[in-house]
PDB file of N, CA and C in Angstrom:
ATOM      1  N   MET A   1      36.480  13.066  -6.704  1.00  0.00           N
ATOM      2  CA  MET A   1      35.810  11.396  -6.478  1.00  0.00           C
ATOM      3  C   MET A   1      34.288  11.993  -6.854  1.00  0.00           C
ATOM      4  N   SER A   2      34.158  10.863  -7.433  1.00  0.00           N
ATOM      5  CA  SER A   2      32.885  10.897  -8.267  1.00  0.00           C
ATOM      6  C   SER A   2      31.794  10.288  -7.564  1.00  0.00           C
ATOM      7  N   SER A   3      30.277  10.857  -7.292  1.00  0.00           N
ATOM      8  CA  SER A   3      29.629   9.831  -7.000  1.00  0.00           C
ATOM      9  C   SER A   3      28.445   9.195  -7.502  1.00  0.00           C
ATOM     10  N   SER A   4      28.279   7.998  -7.450  1.00  0.00           N
ATOM     11  CA  SER A   4      27.848   7.151  -8.343  1.00  0.00           C
ATOM     12  C   SER A   4      26.392   6.902  -7.808  1.00  0.00           C
ATOM     13  N   ALA A   5      25.103   7.107  -8.472  1.00  0.00           N
ATOM     14  CA  ALA A   5      23.732   7.099  -7.935  1.00  0.00           C
ATOM     15  C   ALA A   5      23.543   5.396  -8.433  1.00  0.00           C
ATOM     16  N   THR A   6      23.030   5.005  -7.298  1.00  0.00           N
ATOM     17  CA  THR A   6      22.727   3.503  -7.168  1.00  0.00           C
ATOM     18  C   THR A   6      21.061   3.372  -7.729  1.00  0.00           C
ATOM     19  N   PRO A   7      21.200   2.474  -8.616  1.00  0.00           N
ATOM     20  CA  PRO A   7      19.658   2.411  -9.207  1.00  0.00           C
ATOM     21  C   PRO A   7      18.618   2.162  -8.017  1.00  0.00           C
ATOM     22  N   ALA A   8      17.435   2.888  -8.207  1.00  0.00           N
ATOM     23  CA  ALA A   8      16.026   2.489  -7.452  1.00  0.00           C
ATOM     24  C   ALA A   8      15.550   1.006  -7.428  1.00  0.00           C
ATOM     25  N   ARG A   9      15.134   0.395  -6.115  1.00  0.00           N
ATOM     26  CA  ARG A   9      15.028  -0.829  -6.335  1.00  0.00           C
ATOM     27  C   ARG A   9      13.646  -1.053  -6.428  1.00  0.00           C
ATOM     28  N   ARG A  10      13.253  -1.502  -7.434  1.00  0.00           N
ATOM     29  CA  ARG A  10      11.740  -1.962  -8.035  1.00  0.00           C
ATOM     30  C   ARG A  10      10.906  -3.018  -7.080  1.00  0.00           C
ATOM     31  N   VAL A  11       9.690  -2.247  -6.679  1.00  0.00           N
ATOM     32  CA  VAL A  11       9.079  -2.997  -5.877  1.00  0.00           C
ATOM     33  C   VAL A  11       7.733  -3.048  -6.738  1.00  0.00           C
ATOM     34  N   ARG A  12       6.741  -3.997  -6.229  1.00  0.00           N
ATOM     35  CA  ARG A  12       5.551  -3.793  -6.491  1.00  0.00           C
ATOM     36  C   ARG A  12       4.583  -3.174  -5.709  1.00  0.00           C
ATOM     37  N   CYS A  13       3.968  -1.887  -5.918  1.00  0.00           N
ATOM     38  CA  CYS A  13       2.945  -1.205  -4.901  1.00  0.00           C
ATOM     39  C   CYS A  13       2.018  -2.429  -4.385  1.00  0.00           C
ATOM     40  N   PRO A  14       1.859  -2.012  -3.035  1.00  0.00           N
ATOM     41  CA  PRO A  14       1.006  -2.933  -2.242  1.00  0.00           C
ATOM     42  C   PRO A  14      -0.564  -2.393  -2.486  1.00  0.00           C
ATOM     43  N   GLY A  15      -1.104  -1.554  -3.156  1.00  0.00           N
ATOM     44  CA  GLY A  15      -2.148  -1.080  -3.584  1.00  0.00           C
ATOM     45  C   GLY A  15      -2.769  -1.619  -4.728  1.00  0.00           C
ATOM     46  N   CYS A  16      -1.796  -1.632  -5.532  1.00  0.00           N
ATOM     47  CA  CYS A  16      -1.923  -2.049  -7.284  1.00  0.00           C
ATOM     48  C   CYS A  16      -1.295  -3.009  -7.694  1.00  0.00           C
ATOM     49  N   SER A  17      -0.210  -3.252  -7.327  1.00  0.00           N
ATOM     50  CA  SER A  17       0.771  -4.269  -8.078  1.00  0.00           C
ATOM     51  C   SER A  17       1.605  -3.770  -9.145  1.00  0.00           C
ATOM     52  N   LYS A  18       1.359  -2.712  -9.341  1.00  0.00           N
ATOM     53  CA  LYS A  18       2.311  -1.915 -10.423  1.00  0.00           C
ATOM     54  C   LYS A  18       3.846  -1.890 -10.004  1.00  0.00           C
ATOM     55  N   PRO A  19       4.594  -2.131 -10.768  1.00  0.00           N
ATOM     56  CA  PRO A  19       6.069  -1.727 -10.459  1.00  0.00           C
ATOM     57  C   PRO A  19       6.300  -0.522 -10.360  1.00  0.00           C
ATOM     58  N   CYS A  20       7.227   0.027  -8.926  1.00  0.00           N
ATOM     59  CA  CYS A  20       7.466   1.451  -8.665  1.00  0.00           C
ATOM     60  C   CYS A  20       8.940   1.510  -7.908  1.00  0.00           C
ATOM     61  N   ASP A  21       9.561   2.444  -7.993  1.00  0.00           N
ATOM     62  CA  ASP A  21      10.295   2.809  -7.101  1.00  0.00           C
ATOM     63  C   ASP A  21      10.503   2.983  -5.766  1.00  0.00           C
ATOM     64  N   TYR A  22      11.244   1.871  -5.038  1.00  0.00           N
ATOM     65  CA  TYR A  22      11.146   2.536  -3.582  1.00  0.00           C
ATOM     66  C   TYR A  22      12.616   3.085  -3.298  1.00  0.00           C
ATOM     67  N   ALA A  23      12.465   4.639  -3.556  1.00  0.00           N
ATOM     68  CA  ALA A  23      13.677   5.284  -3.584  1.00  0.00           C
ATOM     69  C   ALA A  23      13.404   6.742  -2.669  1.00  0.00           C
ATOM     70  N   ALA A  24      14.145   7.441  -2.274  1.00  0.00           N
ATOM     71  CA  ALA A  24      13.706   8.670  -1.550  1.00  0.00           C
ATOM     72  C   ALA A  24      13.064   9.672  -2.394  1.00  0.00           C
ATOM     73  N   THR A  25      13.331   9.418  -3.860  1.00  0.00           N
ATOM     74  CA  THR A  25      12.576  10.325  -4.375  1.00  0.00           C
ATOM     75  C   THR A  25      11.140   9.738  -5.149  1.00  0.00           C
ATOM     76  N   ASN A  26      10.948   9.354  -4.291  1.00  0.00           N
ATOM     77  CA  ASN A  26       9.406   8.560  -4.304  1.00  0.00           C
ATOM     78  C   ASN A  26       8.623   8.833  -3.226  1.00  0.00           C
ATOM     79  N   PRO A  27       8.005  10.088  -2.562  1.00  0.00           N
ATOM     80  CA  PRO A  27       7.427  10.289  -1.472  1.00  0.00           C
ATOM     81  C   PRO A  27       6.171   9.279  -1.142  1.00  0.00           C
ATOM     82  N   ASN A  28       5.828   8.415  -2.186  1.00  0.00           N
ATOM     83  CA  ASN A  28       4.775   7.612  -1.425  1.00  0.00           C
ATOM     84  C   ASN A  28       5.260   6.018  -1.424  1.00  0.00           C
ATOM     85  N   ARG A  29       6.780   6.175  -1.156  1.00  0.00           N
ATOM     86  CA  ARG A  29       7.061   4.686  -1.234  1.00  0.00           C
ATOM     87  C   ARG A  29       6.191   4.062   0.251  1.00  0.00           C
ATOM     88  N   PRO A  30       6.167   3.145   0.269  1.00  0.00           N
ATOM     89  CA  PRO A  30       6.198   1.724  -0.794  1.00  0.00           C
ATOM     90  C   PRO A  30       5.016   1.531  -2.173  1.00  0.00           C
ATOM     91  N   PHE A  31       4.357   2.859  -1.961  1.00  0.00           N
ATOM     92  CA  PHE A  31       3.145   2.971  -3.129  1.00  0.00           C
ATOM     93  C   PHE A  31       3.826   3.529  -4.403  1.00  0.00           C
ATOM     94  N   CYS A  32       2.808   3.278  -5.412  1.00  0.00           N
ATOM     95  CA  CYS A  32       3.261   4.268  -6.563  1.00  0.00           C
ATOM     96  C   CYS A  32       2.753   5.754  -6.403  1.00  0.00           C
ATOM     97  N   SER A  33       1.585   5.726  -6.105  1.00  0.00           N
ATOM     98  CA  SER A  33       1.047   6.927  -6.009  1.00  0.00           C
ATOM     99  C   SER A  33       0.193   7.555  -4.522  1.00  0.00           C
ATOM    100  N   THR A  34      -0.086   8.716  -4.477  1.00  0.00           N
ATOM    101  CA  THR A  34      -0.596   9.050  -3.518  1.00  0.00           C
ATOM    102  C   THR A  34      -2.379   8.298  -3.538  1.00  0.00           C
ATOM    103  N   ARG A  35      -2.832   8.369  -4.627  1.00  0.00           N
ATOM    104  CA  ARG A  35      -4.357   7.518  -4.862  1.00  0.00           C
ATOM    105  C   ARG A  35      -3.839   5.862  -4.144  1.00  0.00           C
ATOM    106  N   CYS A  36      -3.028   5.577  -4.211  1.00  0.00           N
ATOM    107  CA  CYS A  36      -2.813   3.910  -3.548  1.00  0.00           C
ATOM    108  C   CYS A  36      -2.575   4.084  -2.254  1.00  0.00           C
ATOM    109  N   LYS A  37      -1.585   5.046  -1.843  1.00  0.00           N
ATOM    110  CA  LYS A  37      -1.379   5.240  -0.437  1.00  0.00           C
ATOM    111  C   LYS A  37      -2.638   5.763   0.562  1.00  0.00           C
ATOM    112  N   LEU A  38      -3.348   6.276   0.105  1.00  0.00           N
ATOM    113  CA  LEU A  38      -4.811   6.935   0.837  1.00  0.00           C
ATOM    114  C   LEU A  38      -5.762   5.758   1.060  1.00  0.00           C
ATOM    115  N   GLY A  39      -5.794   4.931  -0.143  1.00  0.00           N
ATOM    116  CA  GLY A  39      -6.708   3.496  -0.350  1.00  0.00           C
ATOM    117  C   GLY A  39      -5.941   3.052   0.991  1.00  0.00           C
ATOM    118  N   ASP A  40      -4.975   2.638   1.335  1.00  0.00           N
ATOM    119  CA  ASP A  40      -4.489   1.828   2.186  1.00  0.00           C
ATOM    120  C   ASP A  40      -4.370   2.429   3.588  1.00  0.00           C
ATOM    121  N   LEU A  41      -4.683   3.497   3.685  1.00  0.00           N
ATOM    122  CA  LEU A  41      -4.643   4.262   4.896  1.00  0.00           C
ATOM    123  C   LEU A  41      -6.445   4.219   5.070  1.00  0.00           C
ATOM    124  N   GLY A  42      -7.120   4.482   4.213  1.00  0.00           N
ATOM    125  CA  GLY A  42      -8.596   4.458   4.165  1.00  0.00           C
ATOM    126  C   GLY A  42      -9.024   2.788   4.649  1.00  0.00           C
ATOM    127  N   ALA A  43      -8.174   1.541   4.402  1.00  0.00           N
ATOM    128  CA  ALA A  43      -8.615   0.282   4.729  1.00  0.00           C
ATOM    129  C   ALA A  43      -8.208   0.138   6.289  1.00  0.00           C
ATOM    130  N   TRP A  44      -7.174   0.765   6.808  1.00  0.00           N
ATOM    131  CA  TRP A  44      -6.800   0.684   8.006  1.00  0.00           C
ATOM    132  C   TRP A  44      -7.886   1.536   8.925  1.00  0.00           C
ATOM    133  N   ALA A  45      -8.294   2.699   8.625  1.00  0.00           N
ATOM    134  CA  ALA A  45      -9.135   3.420   9.356  1.00  0.00           C
ATOM    135  C   ALA A  45     -10.471   2.553   9.137  1.00  0.00           C
ATOM    136  N   GLU A  46     -11.064   1.880   8.417  1.00  0.00           N
ATOM    137  CA  GLU A  46     -12.179   0.989   8.203  1.00  0.00           C
ATOM    138  C   GLU A  46     -12.032  -0.028   8.835  1.00  0.00           C
ATOM    139  N   GLU A  47     -10.993  -0.663   9.679  1.00  0.00           N
ATOM    140  CA  GLU A  47     -10.474  -1.745   9.994  1.00  0.00           C
ATOM    141  C   GLU A  47     -10.675  -2.910   9.171  1.00  0.00           C
ATOM    142  N   ARG A  48     -10.333  -3.082   8.031  1.00  0.00           N
ATOM    143  CA  ARG A  48     -10.438  -3.993   7.162  1.00  0.00           C
ATOM    144  C   ARG A  48      -9.249  -4.809   7.153  1.00  0.00           C
ATOM    145  N   TYR A  49      -8.108  -4.352   7.983  1.00  0.00           N
ATOM    146  CA  TYR A  49      -6.934  -5.301   8.283  1.00  0.00           C
ATOM    147  C   TYR A  49      -7.121  -5.952  10.025  1.00  0.00           C
ATOM    148  N   ARG A  50      -6.893  -7.106   9.776  1.00  0.00           N
ATOM    149  CA  ARG A  50      -7.056  -7.768  10.991  1.00  0.00           C
ATOM    150  C   ARG A  50      -5.969  -8.577  11.496  1.00  0.00           C
ATOM    151  N   VAL A  51      -5.565  -8.594  12.479  1.00  0.00           N
ATOM    152  CA  VAL A  51      -4.593  -9.802  13.242  1.00  0.00           C
ATOM    153  C   VAL A  51      -5.308 -10.666  14.074  1.00  0.00           C
ATOM    154  N   GLU A  52      -5.281 -11.693  13.714  1.00  0.00           N
ATOM    155  CA  GLU A  52      -6.151 -12.909  14.556  1.00  0.00           C
ATOM    156  C   GLU A  52      -5.274 -12.954  16.148  1.00  0.00           C
ATOM    157  N   ALA A  53      -6.304 -13.516  16.735  1.00  0.00           N
ATOM    158  CA  ALA A  53      -5.595 -13.725  18.281  1.00  0.00           C
ATOM    159  C   ALA A  53      -6.725 -14.790  18.951  1.00  0.00           C
ATOM    160  N   ALA A  54      -5.871 -15.014  19.660  1.00  0.00           N
ATOM    161  CA  ALA A  54      -6.744 -15.969  20.532  1.00  0.00           C
ATOM    162  C   ALA A  54      -8.017 -15.212  21.330  1.00  0.00           C
ATOM    163  N   PRO A  55      -9.328 -15.843  21.431  1.00  0.00           N
ATOM    164  CA  PRO A  55     -10.338 -15.060  22.150  1.00  0.00           C
ATOM    165  C   PRO A  55      -9.814 -14.976  23.672  1.00  0.00           C
ATOM    166  N   PRO A  56      -9.944 -13.644  24.633  1.00  0.00           N
ATOM    167  CA  PRO A  56      -9.992 -13.531  25.761  1.00  0.00           C
ATOM    168  C   PRO A  56     -10.374 -14.965  26.698  1.00  0.00           C
ATOM    169  N   ARG A  57      -9.579 -14.792  27.597  1.00  0.00           N
ATOM    170  CA  ARG A  57      -9.798 -15.925  28.943  1.00  0.00           C
ATOM    171  C   ARG A  57     -10.784 -14.990  29.740  1.00  0.00           C
ATOM    172  N   GLU A  58     -11.661 -15.924  30.408  1.00  0.00           N
ATOM    173  CA  GLU A  58     -12.697 -15.152  31.244  1.00  0.00           C
ATOM    174  C   GLU A  58     -11.963 -14.549  32.592  1.00  0.00           C
ATOM    175  N   ASP A  59     -10.933 -15.082  33.243  1.00  0.00           N
ATOM    176  CA  ASP A  59     -10.234 -14.444  33.871  1.00  0.00           C
ATOM    177  C   ASP A  59      -9.143 -12.691  33.686  1.00  0.00           C
ATOM    178  N   ASP A  60      -9.334 -12.698  32.548  1.00  0.00           N
ATOM    179  CA  ASP A  60      -8.511 -11.563  32.079  1.00  0.00           C
ATOM    180  C   ASP A  60      -9.341 -10.384  32.148  1.00  0.00           C
ATOM    181  N   ASP A  61      -8.337  -9.433  32.617  1.00  0.00           N
ATOM    182  CA  ASP A  61      -9.052  -7.828  32.597  1.00  0.00           C
ATOM    183  C   ASP A  61      -8.564  -6.951  31.677  1.00  0.00           C
ATOM    184  N   PRO A  62      -9.891  -6.710  30.702  1.00  0.00           N
ATOM    185  CA  PRO A  62      -9.748  -5.999  29.710  1.00  0.00           C
ATOM    186  C   PRO A  62      -8.839  -4.927  30.086  1.00  0.00           C
ATOM    187  N   ALA A  63      -9.109  -4.153  31.353  1.00  0.00           N
ATOM    188  CA  ALA A  63      -8.996  -2.804  31.495  1.00  0.00           C
ATOM    189  C   ALA A  63      -7.444  -2.869  31.418  1.00  0.00           C
ATOM    190  N   ASP A  64      -6.690  -3.910  32.021  1.00  0.00           N
ATOM    191  CA  ASP A  64      -4.987  -3.483  32.230  1.00  0.00           C
ATOM    192  C   ASP A  64      -4.297  -4.676  31.609  1.00  0.00           C
ATOM    193  N   GLY A  65      -4.932  -5.452  30.801  1.00  0.00           N
ATOM    194  CA  GLY A  65      -4.463  -6.466  29.913  1.00  0.00           C
ATOM    195  C   GLY A  65      -3.634  -7.321  30.581  1.00  0.00           C
ATOM    196  N   GLU A  66      -3.571  -7.609  32.373  1.00  0.00           N
ATOM    197  CA  GLU A  66      -3.124  -8.316  32.992  1.00  0.00           C
ATOM    198  C   GLU A  66      -4.583  -9.266  33.552  1.00  0.00           C
ATOM    199  N   PRO A  67      -4.083 -10.668  34.078  1.00  0.00           N
ATOM    200  CA  PRO A  67      -5.026 -11.540  34.409  1.00  0.00           C
ATOM    201  C   PRO A  67      -5.693 -10.896  35.645  1.00  0.00           C
ATOM    202  N   SER A  68      -7.248 -10.721  35.790  1.00  0.00           N
ATOM    203  CA  SER A  68      -7.654 -10.566  37.363  1.00  0.00           C
ATOM    204  C   SER A  68      -7.249 -11.285  38.240  1.00  0.00           C
ATOM    205  N   ARG A  69      -6.854 -10.511  39.465  1.00  0.00           N
ATOM    206  CA  ARG A  69      -6.822 -11.605  40.588  1.00  0.00           C
ATOM    207  C   ARG A  69      -7.704 -11.485  41.732  1.00  0.00           C
ATOM    208  N   THR A  70      -7.884 -12.839  42.526  1.00  0.00           N
ATOM    209  CA  THR A  70      -9.435 -12.441  43.399  1.00  0.00           C
ATOM    210  C   THR A  70      -8.541 -11.947  44.642  1.00  0.00           C
ATOM    211  N   PRO A  71      -8.925 -11.001  45.411  1.00  0.00           N
ATOM    212  CA  PRO A  71      -8.259 -10.561  46.888  1.00  0.00           C
ATOM    213  C   PRO A  71      -8.216 -11.631  47.829  1.00  0.00           C
ATOM    214  N   SER A  72      -7.257 -11.550  48.657  1.00  0.00           N
ATOM    215  CA  SER A  72      -7.030 -12.751  49.619  1.00  0.00           C
ATOM    216  C   SER A  72      -7.746 -12.235  50.963  1.00  0.00           C
TER     217      SER A  72
END
């Protein structure tokens, strides 16, 4: 039985937009290089990526994430 290797899928590097292989042979996937991979990690560390969210309500307790309740 012969094993046929499937060609690696080509994707654009999220760091520099160069085409690169998305395969197990690329240890930096989906990035093209260690430089692009570490650049992305640095952006996360510096909090340059943000997810938009609604502002918290006044009755929200930030300690537990549940709305605060007044005791009866």
